[in-house]
Amino acid sequence: MKKKILDKSIGIGQMIVTFLIYAVVQGLFMIRAKQLSWVAAIFIFGLTVALLSLTYGIYQRRLNQVNDWHFTSYNKTRMPRFTLKNWSLAFLGFLVICILQILAGFLIKGEATNQANIAAHQQQLNPIINVMLIAIGPLFEEIIFRGIFFNWFFSKPNRKSTVYLAVLVNGIVFGLIHEPQIDLYTILYSLCGSVLALVYLETKDLTFSYVSHLGNNLAVFLISSL
């Protein structure tokens, strides 16, 4: 009993720490180009990579404590499986998310708050910060919202209903973080989060949900830059 309480307490602490780290990084992402020299941008890039390493280290530690899902990671004892099936699932996840966003473009009026904020800052950001926004942001989100989430909230996948519930809850949390106003875009982001959760659960590694997530962010950035 004491072990379970201690494990939950550690899990809560890990979640809080990673959320705080990501909040700091998001603040760094929003620094405007006029206020940022290249030296400062490179420093921020280095700091972000250091914080990312810390976050991934927390995830690795969590897997060492609880890993009933049998997730793999960049660790000697559980390296990722770079199979054709896993890469296909990553690509399929990317396609499904793209289709969802295309449909949303036809069915939903206006623009998501999250996307509007990014677009408003995009043209004013230092190129290095834009790289972080596109490539490093999804890394943080996959580690936190997929990696640590599943091994804290749903650490024991003993029933199919648990898996379905985990995917649903994960999607909703992801949706609310990206569109807290609770509108149709919240549903869109929730569906996208659920797709990424399914990719993670099927491949057992964050590499592949990250590839899906990165592909989407890159596609959105390229389209919005035209």
C-alpha atoms as a PDB file:
ATOM      1  CA  MET A   1       0.000   0.000   0.000  1.00  0.00           C
ATOM      2  CA  LYS A   2       2.782   2.405   0.949  1.00  0.00           C
ATOM      3  CA  LYS A   3       4.604   1.534  -2.282  1.00  0.00           C
ATOM      4  CA  LYS A   4       1.504   2.414  -4.338  1.00  0.00           C
ATOM      5  CA  ILE A   5       1.074   5.740  -2.533  1.00  0.00           C
ATOM      6  CA  LEU A   6       4.775   6.523  -3.024  1.00  0.00           C
ATOM      7  CA  ASP A   7       4.553   5.583  -6.700  1.00  0.00           C
ATOM      8  CA  LYS A   8       1.525   7.836  -7.223  1.00  0.00           C
ATOM      9  CA  SER A   9       3.255  10.696  -5.417  1.00  0.00           C
ATOM     10  CA  ILE A  10       6.339  10.307  -7.609  1.00  0.00           C
ATOM     11  CA  GLY A  11       4.110  10.188 -10.700  1.00  0.00           C
ATOM     12  CA  ILE A  12       2.323  13.391  -9.685  1.00  0.00           C
ATOM     13  CA  GLY A  13       5.663  15.085  -9.076  1.00  0.00           C
ATOM     14  CA  GLN A  14       6.931  13.989 -12.492  1.00  0.00           C
ATOM     15  CA  MET A  15       3.829  15.340 -14.239  1.00  0.00           C
ATOM     16  CA  ILE A  16       4.067  18.684 -12.435  1.00  0.00           C
ATOM     17  CA  VAL A  17       7.778  19.075 -13.196  1.00  0.00           C
ATOM     18  CA  THR A  18       7.365  18.258 -16.904  1.00  0.00           C
ATOM     19  CA  PHE A  19       4.408  20.647 -17.258  1.00  0.00           C
ATOM     20  CA  LEU A  20       6.420  23.430 -15.607  1.00  0.00           C
ATOM     21  CA  ILE A  21       9.386  22.729 -17.908  1.00  0.00           C
ATOM     22  CA  TYR A  22       7.148  22.868 -20.977  1.00  0.00           C
ATOM     23  CA  ALA A  23       5.542  26.100 -19.743  1.00  0.00           C
ATOM     24  CA  VAL A  24       9.026  27.666 -19.553  1.00  0.00           C
ATOM     25  CA  VAL A  25       9.874  26.404 -23.055  1.00  0.00           C
ATOM     26  CA  GLN A  26       6.618  27.746 -24.485  1.00  0.00           C
ATOM     27  CA  GLY A  27       7.526  31.127 -23.030  1.00  0.00           C
ATOM     28  CA  LEU A  28      10.880  30.927 -24.838  1.00  0.00           C
ATOM     29  CA  PHE A  29       9.084  30.095 -28.100  1.00  0.00           C
ATOM     30  CA  MET A  30       7.090  33.325 -27.962  1.00  0.00           C
ATOM     31  CA  ILE A  31      10.036  35.736 -27.764  1.00  0.00           C
ATOM     32  CA  ARG A  32       9.821  38.047 -30.777  1.00  0.00           C
ATOM     33  CA  ALA A  33      12.611  38.500 -33.295  1.00  0.00           C
ATOM     34  CA  LYS A  34      13.127  42.225 -32.610  1.00  0.00           C
ATOM     35  CA  GLN A  35      13.911  41.435 -28.987  1.00  0.00           C
ATOM     36  CA  LEU A  36      16.214  38.528 -29.780  1.00  0.00           C
ATOM     37  CA  SER A  37      19.742  38.463 -31.196  1.00  0.00           C
ATOM     38  CA  TRP A  38      21.216  35.389 -32.877  1.00  0.00           C
ATOM     39  CA  VAL A  39      23.443  34.802 -29.857  1.00  0.00           C
ATOM     40  CA  ALA A  40      20.411  34.853 -27.573  1.00  0.00           C
ATOM     41  CA  ALA A  41      18.509  32.576 -29.971  1.00  0.00           C
ATOM     42  CA  ILE A  42      21.347  30.033 -29.924  1.00  0.00           C
ATOM     43  CA  PHE A  43      21.466  30.224 -26.119  1.00  0.00           C
ATOM     44  CA  ILE A  44      17.717  29.614 -25.950  1.00  0.00           C
ATOM     45  CA  PHE A  45      18.102  26.694 -28.355  1.00  0.00           C
ATOM     46  CA  GLY A  46      20.751  25.153 -26.084  1.00  0.00           C
ATOM     47  CA  LEU A  47      18.610  25.729 -22.989  1.00  0.00           C
ATOM     48  CA  THR A  48      15.618  24.158 -24.719  1.00  0.00           C
ATOM     49  CA  VAL A  49      17.627  21.063 -25.684  1.00  0.00           C
ATOM     50  CA  ALA A  50      18.835  20.764 -22.069  1.00  0.00           C
ATOM     51  CA  LEU A  51      15.260  21.001 -20.750  1.00  0.00           C
ATOM     52  CA  LEU A  52      14.144  18.484 -23.373  1.00  0.00           C
ATOM     53  CA  SER A  53      16.843  16.058 -22.210  1.00  0.00           C
ATOM     54  CA  LEU A  54      15.672  16.515 -18.619  1.00  0.00           C
ATOM     55  CA  THR A  55      12.046  15.850 -19.624  1.00  0.00           C
ATOM     56  CA  TYR A  56      13.000  12.708 -21.556  1.00  0.00           C
ATOM     57  CA  GLY A  57      15.084  11.584 -18.596  1.00  0.00           C
ATOM     58  CA  ILE A  58      12.007  11.876 -16.371  1.00  0.00           C
ATOM     59  CA  TYR A  59      10.075   9.769 -18.902  1.00  0.00           C
ATOM     60  CA  GLN A  60      12.830   7.144 -18.908  1.00  0.00           C
ATOM     61  CA  ARG A  61      12.772   7.081 -15.122  1.00  0.00           C
ATOM     62  CA  ARG A  62       9.010   6.571 -15.203  1.00  0.00           C
ATOM     63  CA  LEU A  63       9.390   3.613 -17.565  1.00  0.00           C
ATOM     64  CA  ASN A  64      11.946   2.132 -15.172  1.00  0.00           C
ATOM     65  CA  GLN A  65       9.342   2.353 -12.404  1.00  0.00           C
ATOM     66  CA  VAL A  66       6.205   1.263 -14.290  1.00  0.00           C
ATOM     67  CA  ASN A  67       6.027  -0.177 -17.813  1.00  0.00           C
ATOM     68  CA  ASP A  68       3.140  -2.636 -17.997  1.00  0.00           C
ATOM     69  CA  TRP A  69       2.396  -1.396 -21.535  1.00  0.00           C
ATOM     70  CA  HIS A  70       5.864  -2.650 -22.599  1.00  0.00           C
ATOM     71  CA  PHE A  71       6.808   0.652 -24.217  1.00  0.00           C
ATOM     72  CA  THR A  72      10.193   0.955 -25.884  1.00  0.00           C
ATOM     73  CA  SER A  73      12.518   3.974 -25.700  1.00  0.00           C
ATOM     74  CA  TYR A  74      16.106   4.996 -26.362  1.00  0.00           C
ATOM     75  CA  ASN A  75      17.463   2.737 -23.646  1.00  0.00           C
ATOM     76  CA  LYS A  76      19.787  -0.267 -24.055  1.00  0.00           C
ATOM     77  CA  THR A  77      17.195  -2.647 -22.611  1.00  0.00           C
ATOM     78  CA  ARG A  78      14.187  -1.419 -24.638  1.00  0.00           C
ATOM     79  CA  MET A  79      15.279   0.158 -27.919  1.00  0.00           C
ATOM     80  CA  PRO A  80      12.609   1.187 -30.493  1.00  0.00           C
ATOM     81  CA  ARG A  81      11.594  -1.270 -33.216  1.00  0.00           C
ATOM     82  CA  PHE A  82      12.061   0.494 -36.549  1.00  0.00           C
ATOM     83  CA  THR A  83       9.822  -1.840 -38.521  1.00  0.00           C
ATOM     84  CA  LEU A  84       7.914  -1.150 -41.728  1.00  0.00           C
ATOM     85  CA  LYS A  85       4.671  -1.626 -39.785  1.00  0.00           C
ATOM     86  CA  ASN A  86       5.594   1.072 -37.250  1.00  0.00           C
ATOM     87  CA  TRP A  87       6.678   3.560 -39.911  1.00  0.00           C
ATOM     88  CA  SER A  88       3.450   2.817 -41.827  1.00  0.00           C
ATOM     89  CA  LEU A  89       1.405   3.520 -38.698  1.00  0.00           C
ATOM     90  CA  ALA A  90       3.250   6.811 -38.206  1.00  0.00           C
ATOM     91  CA  PHE A  91       2.482   7.820 -41.797  1.00  0.00           C
ATOM     92  CA  LEU A  92      -1.130   6.681 -41.454  1.00  0.00           C
ATOM     93  CA  GLY A  93      -1.485   8.758 -38.279  1.00  0.00           C
ATOM     94  CA  PHE A  94      -0.126  11.793 -40.145  1.00  0.00           C
ATOM     95  CA  LEU A  95      -2.593  11.261 -43.010  1.00  0.00           C
ATOM     96  CA  VAL A  96      -5.590  10.869 -40.682  1.00  0.00           C
ATOM     97  CA  ILE A  97      -4.697  14.065 -38.811  1.00  0.00           C
ATOM     98  CA  CYS A  98      -4.312  15.931 -42.121  1.00  0.00           C
ATOM     99  CA  ILE A  99      -7.705  14.655 -43.299  1.00  0.00           C
ATOM    100  CA  LEU A 100      -9.316  15.720 -40.012  1.00  0.00           C
ATOM    101  CA  GLN A 101      -7.886  19.215 -40.383  1.00  0.00           C
ATOM    102  CA  ILE A 102      -8.948  19.486 -44.025  1.00  0.00           C
ATOM    103  CA  LEU A 103     -12.500  18.463 -43.088  1.00  0.00           C
ATOM    104  CA  ALA A 104     -12.457  20.945 -40.210  1.00  0.00           C
ATOM    105  CA  GLY A 105     -11.485  23.680 -42.692  1.00  0.00           C
ATOM    106  CA  PHE A 106     -14.728  23.021 -44.593  1.00  0.00           C
ATOM    107  CA  LEU A 107     -16.997  22.401 -41.618  1.00  0.00           C
ATOM    108  CA  ILE A 108     -15.807  24.863 -38.951  1.00  0.00           C
ATOM    109  CA  LYS A 109     -15.883  28.626 -39.365  1.00  0.00           C
ATOM    110  CA  GLY A 110     -13.140  30.816 -37.951  1.00  0.00           C
ATOM    111  CA  GLU A 111      -9.719  29.776 -36.692  1.00  0.00           C
ATOM    112  CA  ALA A 112      -8.564  27.797 -33.675  1.00  0.00           C
ATOM    113  CA  THR A 113      -7.191  29.952 -30.842  1.00  0.00           C
ATOM    114  CA  ASN A 114      -3.981  27.926 -30.762  1.00  0.00           C
ATOM    115  CA  GLN A 115      -3.406  28.279 -34.510  1.00  0.00           C
ATOM    116  CA  ALA A 116      -4.266  31.989 -34.464  1.00  0.00           C
ATOM    117  CA  ASN A 117      -1.693  32.614 -31.720  1.00  0.00           C
ATOM    118  CA  ILE A 118       0.981  30.714 -33.633  1.00  0.00           C
ATOM    119  CA  ALA A 119       0.202  32.525 -36.889  1.00  0.00           C
ATOM    120  CA  ALA A 120       0.302  35.899 -35.129  1.00  0.00           C
ATOM    121  CA  HIS A 121       3.798  35.224 -33.818  1.00  0.00           C
ATOM    122  CA  GLN A 122       5.212  33.199 -36.689  1.00  0.00           C
ATOM    123  CA  GLN A 123       6.306  36.089 -38.909  1.00  0.00           C
ATOM    124  CA  GLN A 124       7.941  37.903 -36.000  1.00  0.00           C
ATOM    125  CA  LEU A 125       9.934  35.009 -34.591  1.00  0.00           C
ATOM    126  CA  ASN A 126      13.621  34.371 -35.046  1.00  0.00           C
ATOM    127  CA  PRO A 127      14.110  31.420 -37.486  1.00  0.00           C
ATOM    128  CA  ILE A 128      15.708  29.338 -34.709  1.00  0.00           C
ATOM    129  CA  ILE A 129      12.597  29.812 -32.578  1.00  0.00           C
ATOM    130  CA  ASN A 130      10.428  28.758 -35.521  1.00  0.00           C
ATOM    131  CA  VAL A 131      12.464  25.542 -35.777  1.00  0.00           C
ATOM    132  CA  MET A 132      11.850  24.882 -32.090  1.00  0.00           C
ATOM    133  CA  LEU A 133       8.141  25.567 -32.512  1.00  0.00           C
ATOM    134  CA  ILE A 134       7.826  23.102 -35.392  1.00  0.00           C
ATOM    135  CA  ALA A 135      10.212  20.340 -34.314  1.00  0.00           C
ATOM    136  CA  ILE A 136      10.914  20.559 -30.584  1.00  0.00           C
ATOM    137  CA  GLY A 137       7.409  21.513 -29.412  1.00  0.00           C
ATOM    138  CA  PRO A 138       5.932  18.175 -30.596  1.00  0.00           C
ATOM    139  CA  LEU A 139       8.770  16.317 -28.833  1.00  0.00           C
ATOM    140  CA  PHE A 140       7.830  17.865 -25.493  1.00  0.00           C
ATOM    141  CA  GLU A 141       4.146  17.211 -26.117  1.00  0.00           C
ATOM    142  CA  GLU A 142       4.660  13.563 -27.054  1.00  0.00           C
ATOM    143  CA  ILE A 143       6.835  12.885 -24.018  1.00  0.00           C
ATOM    144  CA  ILE A 144       4.346  14.564 -21.670  1.00  0.00           C
ATOM    145  CA  PHE A 145       0.924  13.888 -23.218  1.00  0.00           C
ATOM    146  CA  ARG A 146       1.636  10.391 -24.486  1.00  0.00           C
ATOM    147  CA  GLY A 147       4.686   9.052 -22.673  1.00  0.00           C
ATOM    148  CA  ILE A 148       4.273  10.162 -19.072  1.00  0.00           C
ATOM    149  CA  PHE A 149       0.455  10.333 -19.318  1.00  0.00           C
ATOM    150  CA  PHE A 150      -0.072   6.648 -20.103  1.00  0.00           C
ATOM    151  CA  ASN A 151       2.339   5.454 -17.449  1.00  0.00           C
ATOM    152  CA  TRP A 152       0.743   7.571 -14.773  1.00  0.00           C
ATOM    153  CA  PHE A 153      -3.015   7.773 -15.374  1.00  0.00           C
ATOM    154  CA  PHE A 154      -3.366   4.342 -17.015  1.00  0.00           C
ATOM    155  CA  SER A 155      -0.350   2.338 -15.892  1.00  0.00           C
ATOM    156  CA  LYS A 156      -2.067  -1.081 -16.052  1.00  0.00           C
ATOM    157  CA  PRO A 157      -3.718  -1.922 -19.408  1.00  0.00           C
ATOM    158  CA  ASN A 158      -5.469  -5.079 -18.180  1.00  0.00           C
ATOM    159  CA  ARG A 159      -8.720  -4.618 -20.153  1.00  0.00           C
ATOM    160  CA  LYS A 160      -9.675  -3.355 -23.620  1.00  0.00           C
ATOM    161  CA  SER A 161     -12.030  -0.877 -21.983  1.00  0.00           C
ATOM    162  CA  THR A 162      -9.014   0.610 -20.169  1.00  0.00           C
ATOM    163  CA  VAL A 163      -7.225   1.100 -23.487  1.00  0.00           C
ATOM    164  CA  TYR A 164     -10.256   2.788 -25.090  1.00  0.00           C
ATOM    165  CA  LEU A 165     -10.753   5.016 -22.046  1.00  0.00           C
ATOM    166  CA  ALA A 166      -7.050   5.925 -22.007  1.00  0.00           C
ATOM    167  CA  VAL A 167      -7.131   6.951 -25.683  1.00  0.00           C
ATOM    168  CA  LEU A 168     -10.328   8.983 -25.173  1.00  0.00           C
ATOM    169  CA  VAL A 169      -9.073  10.783 -22.045  1.00  0.00           C
ATOM    170  CA  ASN A 170      -5.679  11.411 -23.622  1.00  0.00           C
ATOM    171  CA  GLY A 171      -7.344  12.986 -26.653  1.00  0.00           C
ATOM    172  CA  ILE A 172      -9.589  15.194 -24.508  1.00  0.00           C
ATOM    173  CA  VAL A 173      -6.660  16.427 -22.400  1.00  0.00           C
ATOM    174  CA  PHE A 174      -4.683  17.181 -25.568  1.00  0.00           C
ATOM    175  CA  GLY A 175      -7.700  18.975 -27.042  1.00  0.00           C
ATOM    176  CA  LEU A 176      -8.294  21.137 -23.966  1.00  0.00           C
ATOM    177  CA  ILE A 177      -4.639  22.127 -23.743  1.00  0.00           C
ATOM    178  CA  HIS A 178      -4.658  23.298 -27.372  1.00  0.00           C
ATOM    179  CA  GLU A 179      -8.162  24.828 -27.440  1.00  0.00           C
ATOM    180  CA  PRO A 180      -9.363  25.548 -23.860  1.00  0.00           C
ATOM    181  CA  GLN A 181     -12.365  27.628 -25.015  1.00  0.00           C
ATOM    182  CA  ILE A 182     -14.315  24.377 -25.611  1.00  0.00           C
ATOM    183  CA  ASP A 183     -15.656  24.662 -29.141  1.00  0.00           C
ATOM    184  CA  LEU A 184     -15.567  22.569 -32.307  1.00  0.00           C
ATOM    185  CA  TYR A 185     -11.807  23.038 -32.503  1.00  0.00           C
ATOM    186  CA  THR A 186     -11.507  21.385 -29.092  1.00  0.00           C
ATOM    187  CA  ILE A 187     -13.143  18.320 -30.639  1.00  0.00           C
ATOM    188  CA  LEU A 188     -10.752  18.504 -33.612  1.00  0.00           C
ATOM    189  CA  TYR A 189      -7.660  18.655 -31.392  1.00  0.00           C
ATOM    190  CA  SER A 190      -9.093  15.897 -29.199  1.00  0.00           C
ATOM    191  CA  LEU A 191      -9.488  13.645 -32.229  1.00  0.00           C
ATOM    192  CA  CYS A 192      -5.926  14.460 -33.331  1.00  0.00           C
ATOM    193  CA  GLY A 193      -4.676  13.673 -29.823  1.00  0.00           C
ATOM    194  CA  SER A 194      -6.529  10.356 -29.870  1.00  0.00           C
ATOM    195  CA  VAL A 195      -4.934   9.479 -33.232  1.00  0.00           C
ATOM    196  CA  LEU A 196      -1.470  10.202 -31.810  1.00  0.00           C
ATOM    197  CA  ALA A 197      -2.321   8.116 -28.736  1.00  0.00           C
ATOM    198  CA  LEU A 198      -3.323   5.194 -30.951  1.00  0.00           C
ATOM    199  CA  VAL A 199      -0.079   5.470 -32.926  1.00  0.00           C
ATOM    200  CA  TYR A 200       1.863   5.439 -29.657  1.00  0.00           C
ATOM    201  CA  LEU A 201      -0.028   2.452 -28.273  1.00  0.00           C
ATOM    202  CA  GLU A 202       0.241   0.441 -31.485  1.00  0.00           C
ATOM    203  CA  THR A 203       3.952   1.109 -32.070  1.00  0.00           C
ATOM    204  CA  LYS A 204       4.893   1.176 -28.380  1.00  0.00           C
ATOM    205  CA  ASP A 205       7.328   4.042 -28.971  1.00  0.00           C
ATOM    206  CA  LEU A 206       7.140   7.847 -28.968  1.00  0.00           C
ATOM    207  CA  THR A 207       9.304   8.025 -32.094  1.00  0.00           C
ATOM    208  CA  PHE A 208       6.362   7.192 -34.323  1.00  0.00           C
ATOM    209  CA  SER A 209       3.698   9.401 -32.729  1.00  0.00           C
ATOM    210  CA  TYR A 210       6.312  12.175 -32.859  1.00  0.00           C
ATOM    211  CA  VAL A 211       6.828  11.609 -36.599  1.00  0.00           C
ATOM    212  CA  SER A 212       3.042  11.929 -37.129  1.00  0.00           C
ATOM    213  CA  HIS A 213       2.932  15.064 -34.971  1.00  0.00           C
ATOM    214  CA  LEU A 214       6.002  16.644 -36.592  1.00  0.00           C
ATOM    215  CA  GLY A 215       4.674  15.934 -40.085  1.00  0.00           C
ATOM    216  CA  ASN A 216       1.445  17.720 -39.260  1.00  0.00           C
ATOM    217  CA  ASN A 217       3.186  20.747 -37.724  1.00  0.00           C
ATOM    218  CA  LEU A 218       5.527  21.026 -40.688  1.00  0.00           C
ATOM    219  CA  ALA A 219       2.668  20.767 -43.187  1.00  0.00           C
ATOM    220  CA  VAL A 220       0.653  23.454 -41.347  1.00  0.00           C
ATOM    221  CA  PHE A 221       3.712  25.726 -41.175  1.00  0.00           C
ATOM    222  CA  LEU A 222       4.477  25.352 -44.891  1.00  0.00           C
ATOM    223  CA  ILE A 223       0.858  25.951 -45.911  1.00  0.00           C
ATOM    224  CA  SER A 224       0.486  29.001 -43.633  1.00  0.00           C
ATOM    225  CA  SER A 225       3.752  30.433 -45.016  1.00  0.00           C
ATOM    226  CA  LEU A 226       2.503  30.427 -48.619  1.00  0.00           C
END
